[in-house]
Protein backbone atom coordinates (compact mmCIF):
# COMPACT_ATOMS: atom_id res chain seq x y z
CA MET A 1 0.00 0.00 0.00
CA THR A 2 1.35 3.53 -0.94
CA ILE A 3 0.68 6.63 1.22
CA ALA A 4 0.25 9.93 -0.69
CA THR A 5 -0.02 13.47 0.77
CA SER A 6 -2.02 16.11 -1.05
CA THR A 7 -1.52 19.90 -0.99
CA SER A 8 -4.43 20.28 1.41
CA GLY A 9 -2.64 18.16 3.93
CA ARG A 10 -4.96 15.08 3.66
CA VAL A 11 -3.52 11.63 3.61
CA SER A 12 -4.89 9.07 1.12
CA THR A 13 -4.10 5.44 0.44
CA VAL A 14 -3.65 3.88 -2.96
CA PRO A 15 -3.92 0.03 -3.34
CA THR A 16 -0.84 -1.66 -4.60
CA THR A 17 -0.68 -4.31 -7.40
CA GLY A 18 -0.51 -7.37 -5.07
CA THR A 19 -3.74 -6.49 -3.30
CA TYR A 20 -5.60 -6.00 -6.55
CA SER A 21 -4.53 -9.39 -7.85
CA ILE A 22 -5.84 -11.13 -4.64
CA GLU A 23 -9.25 -9.49 -4.96
CA THR A 24 -9.42 -10.47 -8.63
CA GLY A 25 -8.67 -14.11 -7.73
CA ASN A 26 -11.46 -14.18 -5.16
CA MET A 27 -13.91 -12.82 -7.67
CA LYS A 28 -12.93 -15.52 -10.15
CA LYS A 29 -13.44 -18.23 -7.53
CA SER A 30 -16.89 -16.92 -6.63
CA MET A 31 -17.80 -16.81 -10.31
CA ASP A 32 -16.58 -20.40 -10.75
CA VAL A 33 -18.68 -21.54 -7.80
CA LYS A 34 -21.74 -19.79 -9.24
CA LYS A 35 -21.08 -21.34 -12.62
CA HIS A 36 -20.70 -24.79 -11.03
CA LYS A 37 -23.98 -24.34 -9.18
CA LEU A 38 -25.70 -23.25 -12.37
CA GLU A 39 -24.35 -26.33 -14.14
CA GLU A 40 -25.58 -28.57 -11.34
CA ASN A 41 -29.00 -26.91 -11.41
CA GLU A 42 -29.13 -27.39 -15.18
CA LYS A 43 -28.19 -31.05 -14.77
CA MET A 44 -30.84 -31.54 -12.10
CA SER A 45 -33.48 -29.78 -14.21
CA LEU A 46 -32.40 -31.91 -17.16
CA PHE A 47 -32.60 -35.03 -15.00
CA TYR A 48 -36.11 -34.20 -13.79
CA ALA A 49 -37.09 -33.26 -17.34
CA GLU A 50 -35.85 -36.65 -18.53
CA GLU A 51 -37.81 -38.36 -15.70
CA GLU A 52 -40.97 -36.64 -16.89
CA GLU A 53 -40.06 -37.58 -20.47
CA VAL A 54 -39.71 -41.24 -19.41
CA ASP A 55 -43.25 -41.13 -18.07
CA ASN A 56 -44.53 -39.80 -21.39
CA ARG A 57 -42.47 -42.03 -23.70
CA ASP A 58 -43.19 -45.61 -24.72
CA ALA A 59 -40.45 -48.17 -24.02
CA HIS A 60 -41.27 -50.17 -27.15
CA GLN A 61 -40.93 -47.07 -29.33
CA ASP A 62 -37.57 -46.26 -27.68
CA LEU A 63 -36.45 -49.83 -28.43
CA THR A 64 -37.44 -49.41 -32.09
CA LEU A 65 -35.67 -46.06 -32.19
CA TYR A 66 -32.56 -47.63 -30.63
CA LYS A 67 -32.45 -50.38 -33.27
CA ARG A 68 -32.99 -47.85 -36.06
CA SER A 69 -30.22 -45.61 -34.71
CA CYS A 70 -27.81 -48.56 -34.47
CA SER A 71 -28.51 -49.59 -38.06
CA GLU A 72 -28.12 -45.96 -39.16
CA ILE A 73 -24.71 -45.73 -37.46
CA LEU A 74 -23.61 -48.93 -39.20
CA LYS A 75 -24.69 -47.50 -42.54
CA LEU A 76 -22.87 -44.22 -41.89
CA ILE A 77 -19.72 -46.09 -40.89
CA GLN A 78 -19.94 -48.14 -44.10
CA VAL A 79 -20.45 -45.01 -46.23
CA ILE A 80 -17.55 -43.20 -44.53
CA LYS A 81 -15.34 -46.23 -45.11
CA GLU A 82 -16.24 -46.31 -48.81
CA LEU A 83 -15.61 -42.58 -49.17
CA LYS A 84 -12.21 -42.91 -47.54
CA THR A 85 -11.22 -45.71 -49.89
CA SER A 86 -12.40 -43.74 -52.98
CA LYS A 87 -9.90 -40.83 -52.33
CA SER A 88 -11.94 -38.29 -54.23
CA LYS A 89 -11.67 -34.54 -53.65
CA GLU A 90 -15.32 -34.09 -52.64
CA ALA A 91 -15.21 -37.04 -50.21
CA ALA A 92 -13.76 -34.96 -47.36
CA ALA A 93 -16.83 -32.68 -47.14
CA GLU A 94 -19.19 -35.63 -47.36
CA ILE A 95 -17.21 -37.48 -44.68
CA GLU A 96 -17.55 -34.56 -42.32
CA GLU A 97 -21.28 -34.42 -42.97
CA TYR A 98 -21.64 -38.14 -42.33
CA LYS A 99 -19.54 -37.83 -39.18
CA SER A 100 -21.89 -35.13 -37.91
CA ASN A 101 -24.87 -37.43 -38.55
CA ALA A 102 -23.10 -40.29 -36.75
CA VAL A 103 -22.33 -38.06 -33.78
CA LEU A 104 -26.01 -37.10 -33.62
CA GLN A 105 -26.94 -40.79 -33.64
CA PHE A 106 -24.49 -41.43 -30.80
CA VAL A 107 -26.04 -38.54 -28.86
CA LEU A 108 -29.43 -40.15 -29.45
CA LEU A 109 -28.10 -43.51 -28.21
CA LYS A 110 -26.69 -41.84 -25.12
CA LYS A 111 -30.04 -40.21 -24.42
CA LEU A 112 -31.84 -43.52 -24.92
CA ASN A 113 -29.36 -45.15 -22.54
CA ARG A 114 -30.08 -42.53 -19.89
CA LEU A 115 -33.81 -42.96 -20.40
CA ALA A 116 -33.39 -46.76 -20.11
CA HIS A 117 -31.49 -46.39 -16.83
CA ILE A 118 -34.08 -43.95 -15.49
CA ARG A 119 -36.86 -46.28 -16.57
CA CYS A 120 -35.08 -49.25 -14.94
CA LYS A 121 -34.63 -47.25 -11.74
CA LYS A 122 -38.32 -46.33 -11.70
CA VAL A 123 -39.34 -49.94 -12.34
CA ARG A 124 -37.08 -51.08 -9.49
CA GLU A 125 -38.53 -48.45 -7.14
CA SER A 126 -42.11 -49.32 -8.10
CA THR A 127 -41.27 -53.01 -7.66
CA ASN A 128 -39.92 -52.33 -4.18
CA GLU A 129 -43.00 -50.28 -3.34
CA ASP A 130 -45.26 -53.06 -4.59
CA LYS A 131 -43.22 -55.59 -2.62
CA LEU A 132 -43.56 -53.51 0.55
CA ARG A 133 -47.28 -53.10 -0.06
CA ILE A 134 -47.65 -56.86 -0.62
CA ASP A 135 -45.67 -57.56 2.58
CA ARG A 136 -47.93 -55.15 4.43
CA TYR A 137 -51.04 -56.84 3.06
CA HIS A 138 -49.56 -60.25 3.85
CA LEU A 139 -48.91 -59.15 7.43
CA GLN A 140 -52.48 -57.86 7.69
CA LEU A 141 -53.70 -61.19 6.29
CA GLN A 142 -51.68 -63.12 8.87
CA ASN A 143 -53.08 -60.93 11.64
CA LEU A 144 -56.62 -61.49 10.37
CA LEU A 145 -56.05 -65.25 10.12
CA TYR A 146 -54.69 -65.33 13.67
CA GLU A 147 -57.65 -63.29 14.91
CA ALA A 148 -60.05 -65.60 13.04
CA LEU A 149 -58.36 -68.64 14.61
CA HIS A 150 -58.62 -67.04 18.05
CA LEU A 151 -62.30 -66.28 17.48
CA GLN A 152 -62.87 -69.85 16.29
CA LYS A 153 -61.28 -71.16 19.48
CA GLU A 154 -63.47 -68.86 21.56
CA ILE A 155 -66.56 -70.02 19.65
CA THR A 156 -65.61 -73.66 20.22
CA LYS A 157 -65.01 -72.95 23.91
CA CYS A 158 -68.41 -71.27 24.18
CA LEU A 159 -70.13 -74.15 22.38
CA GLU A 160 -68.44 -76.69 24.66
CA PHE A 161 -69.17 -74.66 27.80
CA LYS A 162 -71.06 -76.59 30.46
CA SER A 163 -72.90 -74.42 32.91
CA LYS A 164 -73.44 -75.34 36.53
CA ASP A 165 -77.18 -75.14 36.02
CA GLU A 166 -76.96 -78.37 33.98
CA GLU A 167 -75.98 -80.18 37.17
CA VAL A 168 -79.04 -78.90 39.03
CA GLU A 169 -82.00 -81.26 38.93
CA LEU A 170 -84.89 -78.98 38.08
CA VAL A 171 -88.54 -79.86 38.39
CA PRO A 172 -90.29 -81.04 35.19
CA ILE A 173 -91.64 -78.34 32.90
CA GLU A 174 -95.27 -79.36 33.40
CA GLU A 175 -94.89 -79.24 37.18
CA PHE A 176 -93.07 -75.91 36.89
CA TYR A 177 -95.91 -74.25 34.97
CA GLU A 178 -98.44 -75.87 37.28
CA ASN A 179 -96.94 -74.83 40.63
CA ALA A 180 -94.86 -71.73 39.90
CA PRO A 181 -96.57 -68.31 40.11
CA GLU A 182 -96.97 -66.30 36.90
CA GLU A 183 -94.54 -63.57 38.01
CA ILE A 184 -91.83 -66.26 37.98
CA SER A 185 -93.00 -68.62 35.21
CA LYS A 186 -93.96 -65.83 32.72
CA PRO A 187 -95.62 -68.27 30.32
CA LYS A 188 -96.06 -65.72 27.51
CA ILE A 189 -92.28 -65.24 27.31
CA THR A 190 -90.83 -68.56 28.44
CA HIS A 191 -92.91 -70.74 26.10
CA ASN A 192 -91.09 -69.28 23.09
CA ASP A 193 -87.66 -68.66 24.63
CA SER A 194 -85.76 -71.62 26.06
CA HIS A 195 -83.14 -69.37 27.69
CA GLN A 196 -85.77 -67.35 29.57
CA GLN A 197 -87.51 -70.60 30.46
CA THR A 198 -84.31 -71.98 32.02
CA LEU A 199 -83.81 -68.73 33.97
CA ALA A 200 -87.39 -68.88 35.24
CA ARG A 201 -87.00 -72.52 36.27
CA LEU A 202 -83.80 -71.63 38.13
CA ASP A 203 -85.59 -68.78 39.90
CA TRP A 204 -88.37 -71.18 40.92
CA GLU A 205 -85.77 -73.70 42.09
CA LEU A 206 -84.13 -70.96 44.15
CA GLU A 207 -87.45 -69.98 45.73
CA GLN A 208 -88.22 -73.61 46.56
CA ARG A 209 -84.80 -74.12 48.07
CA LYS A 210 -85.21 -71.01 50.18
CA GLU A 211 -88.51 -72.37 51.49
CA LEU A 212 -86.98 -75.79 52.14
CA SER A 213 -84.02 -74.12 53.82
CA GLY A 214 -86.43 -72.27 56.11
CA GLU A 215 -88.26 -75.49 56.90
CA LEU A 216 -84.97 -77.26 57.52
CA LYS A 217 -83.92 -74.50 59.88
CA LYS A 218 -87.20 -74.82 61.77
CA SER A 219 -86.84 -78.61 61.91
CA GLN A 220 -83.28 -78.28 63.18
CA GLU A 221 -84.42 -75.85 65.86
CA LYS A 222 -87.20 -78.25 66.82
CA ARG A 223 -84.72 -81.14 66.82
CA GLU A 224 -82.32 -79.20 69.01
CA LYS A 225 -85.16 -78.44 71.38
CA LEU A 226 -86.18 -82.11 71.53
CA LEU A 227 -82.56 -83.19 72.02
CA LYS A 228 -82.29 -80.71 74.83
CA GLU A 229 -85.45 -82.08 76.45
CA ILE A 230 -84.21 -85.66 75.97
CA THR A 231 -80.87 -84.75 77.52
CA GLU A 232 -82.60 -83.13 80.46
CA SER A 233 -84.86 -86.16 80.90
CA LYS A 234 -81.87 -88.49 80.62
CA ASP A 235 -79.98 -86.47 83.20
CA TYR A 236 -83.01 -86.55 85.43
CA LEU A 237 -83.33 -90.32 85.06
CA ASP A 238 -79.59 -90.77 85.60
CA SER A 239 -79.87 -88.72 88.76
CA MET A 240 -82.75 -90.94 89.86
CA GLN A 241 -80.76 -94.18 89.39
CA PRO A 242 -78.71 -93.86 92.62
CA LYS A 243 -81.89 -93.00 94.54
CA LEU A 244 -83.67 -96.03 93.09
CA ASN A 245 -80.71 -98.23 93.96
CA SER A 246 -80.71 -96.94 97.48
CA ILE A 247 -84.47 -97.55 97.70
CA LEU A 248 -84.02 -101.11 96.39
CA GLN A 249 -81.23 -101.73 98.87
CA ALA A 250 -83.47 -100.43 101.64
CA THR A 251 -86.35 -102.70 100.54
CA LYS A 252 -84.29 -105.91 100.49
CA PRO A 253 -85.30 -106.89 104.04
CA VAL A 254 -88.91 -106.29 103.09
CA GLN A 255 -88.50 -108.41 99.93
CA GLU A 256 -86.97 -111.23 101.95
CA TYR A 257 -89.67 -110.97 104.57
CA LEU A 258 -92.48 -111.01 101.97
CA ASN A 259 -90.64 -113.60 99.83
CA MET A 260 -90.65 -111.26 96.83
CA PRO A 261 -87.06 -111.16 95.43
CA PHE A 262 -87.46 -108.39 92.88
CA ASP A 263 -83.69 -107.94 92.35
CA GLU A 264 -83.16 -111.58 91.53
CA ILE A 265 -86.14 -111.62 89.17
CA ARG A 266 -84.88 -108.48 87.39
CA GLN A 267 -81.41 -109.95 86.91
CA LYS A 268 -82.90 -113.19 85.53
CA HIS A 269 -85.04 -111.31 83.04
CA ARG A 270 -82.03 -109.20 81.99
CA ALA A 271 -80.01 -112.35 81.33
CA ALA A 272 -82.95 -114.05 79.61
CA ARG A 273 -82.83 -111.43 76.84
CA HIS A 274 -79.79 -113.23 75.41
CA LEU A 275 -81.62 -116.55 75.09
CA PRO A 276 -82.74 -117.86 71.71
CA GLN A 277 -86.41 -117.32 70.98
CA PRO A 278 -87.69 -120.82 71.92
CA LEU A 279 -85.82 -120.85 75.25
CA TYR A 280 -86.89 -117.27 75.94
CA VAL A 281 -90.57 -118.20 75.41
CA LEU A 282 -90.11 -121.26 77.68
CA PHE A 283 -88.47 -119.14 80.38
CA MET A 284 -91.14 -116.44 80.33
CA GLN A 285 -94.05 -118.90 80.33
CA ALA A 286 -92.54 -120.98 83.13
CA SER A 287 -91.77 -117.89 85.21
CA SER A 288 -95.31 -116.59 84.78
CA TYR A 289 -96.76 -119.99 85.71
CA GLN A 290 -94.51 -120.14 88.81
CA GLU A 291 -95.65 -116.74 90.01
CA ALA A 292 -99.33 -117.37 89.28
CA CYS A 293 -99.96 -121.03 90.05
CA ASP A 294 -97.10 -123.14 91.32
CA PRO A 295 -94.61 -121.72 93.81
CA ASP A 296 -92.90 -125.11 93.97
CA LEU A 297 -91.71 -124.71 90.37
CA VAL A 298 -88.19 -123.35 90.25
CA VAL A 299 -87.04 -121.61 87.05
CA SER A 300 -83.36 -120.67 86.76
CA LEU A 301 -80.67 -119.87 84.17
CA GLU A 302 -77.26 -121.52 84.05
CA GLY A 303 -74.28 -120.96 81.79
CA ASP A 304 -71.85 -118.27 80.63
CA HIS A 305 -73.70 -114.96 80.52
CA GLU A 306 -70.80 -113.10 78.80
CA ALA A 307 -70.58 -115.73 76.04
CA ALA A 308 -74.33 -115.47 75.52
CA ARG A 309 -74.05 -111.69 75.23
CA SER A 310 -71.21 -112.00 72.66
CA LEU A 311 -73.17 -114.60 70.67
CA ASP A 312 -76.17 -112.31 70.61
CA MET A 313 -74.01 -109.44 69.22
CA GLU A 314 -72.58 -111.72 66.52
CA THR A 315 -76.08 -112.66 65.42
CA VAL A 316 -77.06 -109.01 65.10
CA LEU A 317 -73.90 -108.23 63.07
CA GLU A 318 -74.51 -111.18 60.76
CA GLU A 319 -78.05 -110.04 60.08
CA PHE A 320 -76.74 -106.56 59.30
CA ASP A 321 -74.05 -108.00 56.99
CA SER A 322 -76.68 -110.09 55.23
CA ASP A 323 -78.79 -107.00 54.55
CA SER A 324 -75.76 -105.06 53.27
CA ASP A 325 -74.76 -108.00 51.06
CA ASN A 326 -78.22 -108.03 49.53
CA ASP A 327 -77.94 -104.30 48.80
CA ASP A 328 -74.52 -104.77 47.23
CA GLN A 329 -75.82 -107.63 45.16
CA ASP A 330 -78.59 -105.43 43.80
CA LYS A 331 -76.19 -102.58 42.95
CA HIS A 332 -73.00 -104.33 41.92
CA SER A 333 -74.18 -107.84 40.92
CA SER A 334 -72.13 -110.26 43.01
CA LYS A 335 -69.06 -108.11 43.65
CA HIS A 336 -67.71 -107.12 47.05
CA ARG A 337 -69.81 -109.63 48.98
CA ARG A 338 -68.27 -110.77 52.24
CA LYS A 339 -69.59 -114.31 52.13
CA THR A 340 -71.12 -116.44 49.47
CA THR A 341 -74.55 -117.99 49.86
CA GLU A 342 -73.10 -121.43 50.47
CA SER A 343 -70.78 -120.23 53.21
CA ARG A 344 -73.62 -118.38 54.94
CA LYS A 345 -75.82 -121.45 54.81
CA SER A 346 -73.08 -123.60 56.32
CA ASP A 347 -72.46 -121.00 59.05
CA ARG A 348 -76.13 -120.88 59.88
CA LYS A 349 -76.26 -124.68 60.01
CA LEU A 350 -73.36 -124.74 62.46
CA GLN A 351 -75.04 -122.09 64.57
CA VAL A 352 -78.24 -124.12 64.69
CA LEU A 353 -76.35 -127.24 65.77
CA ARG A 354 -74.15 -125.43 68.26
CA LYS A 355 -75.11 -125.49 71.90
CA HIS A 356 -76.20 -122.18 73.40
CA PRO A 357 -74.10 -120.95 76.37
CA LEU A 358 -77.22 -120.47 78.51
CA SER A 359 -79.62 -123.17 79.66
CA VAL A 360 -83.09 -122.97 81.23
CA ILE A 361 -83.35 -125.18 84.32
CA LEU A 362 -86.83 -126.22 85.48
CA VAL A 363 -87.18 -127.95 88.86
CA ILE A 364 -90.66 -129.25 89.50
CA GLY A 365 -91.40 -129.88 93.16
CA CYS A 366 -94.34 -131.81 94.69
CA SER A 367 -95.94 -130.74 97.94
CA ALA A 368 -96.86 -133.27 100.73
CA ALA A 369 -100.58 -132.81 100.17
CA GLN A 370 -100.26 -133.56 96.49
CA SER A 371 -97.99 -136.60 97.13
CA THR A 372 -100.59 -138.17 99.39
């Protein structure tokens, strides 16, 4: 930079040559950048214009044009070759003209090549879009098939559903309409609707069960009351037993004096309960005859009282087993029976032939008046 002083005393600066050259270089660079951007914009506009042209052109026509251009180039090359071999003076101008035509054909081929690539790119993109759309539809189809399968399973589950009301034994339909009130039976609705009919029958069953539950509660209360009374009476009788025993003990001298042995008679009758029926009848008749008519007749029991009691219990158990065997035979044919018919018959035969542990002893006495 050069500093200059004027006559007025002001100082001014004048740019030197180096500074001017730097500014000129920067301007050239900016111009080159703008030019490059313009070229890129032109290429992009040309590219988009060719894309629109691809949409408007027919691929078959481009193929025909490509074949025609290739044959034209071959013809031009053949003509140029012939002109070069002829070596005439006018051939040079014609060769240049044919070269220009060939270059135009090559430009056309280049354009067709670009259009073919653009068309191929568009076909590939549309194919990918169609593929994605098909995949999306396929996924939707799989989802719908899965949902349909799930619904089918739910339908099958509903059809196979067994409600608890099927296990309830409802009253017959005729009895239901006969006994149930109209506000529950609703005959105008339930006659034509099986579902409403089932609901009404369940309501009637519920009402009946409520009534039966109330009756059961009353019966249980009554039973508890009776059990309480029985318990009180039993306690009262149990409390009387020691008093009765003491009274009996106190009356023993009187019994001996009056020759009325009530304790001995009671014990004999208690033991006589274990006798078989024929001996029991004999004992009771003989005892009654002794008391009423013949005091010289002596009736007594001899034998093992405990064995007789055990034998009596076995007889009761066998009768119970026989009844249970008959029930089992009715329900389960001949299974689970404890004894067969033959074995029971043989056991009964042995019992009949076996001697009973107790014996009835009758001693008949004769008085002096009767002996004379």
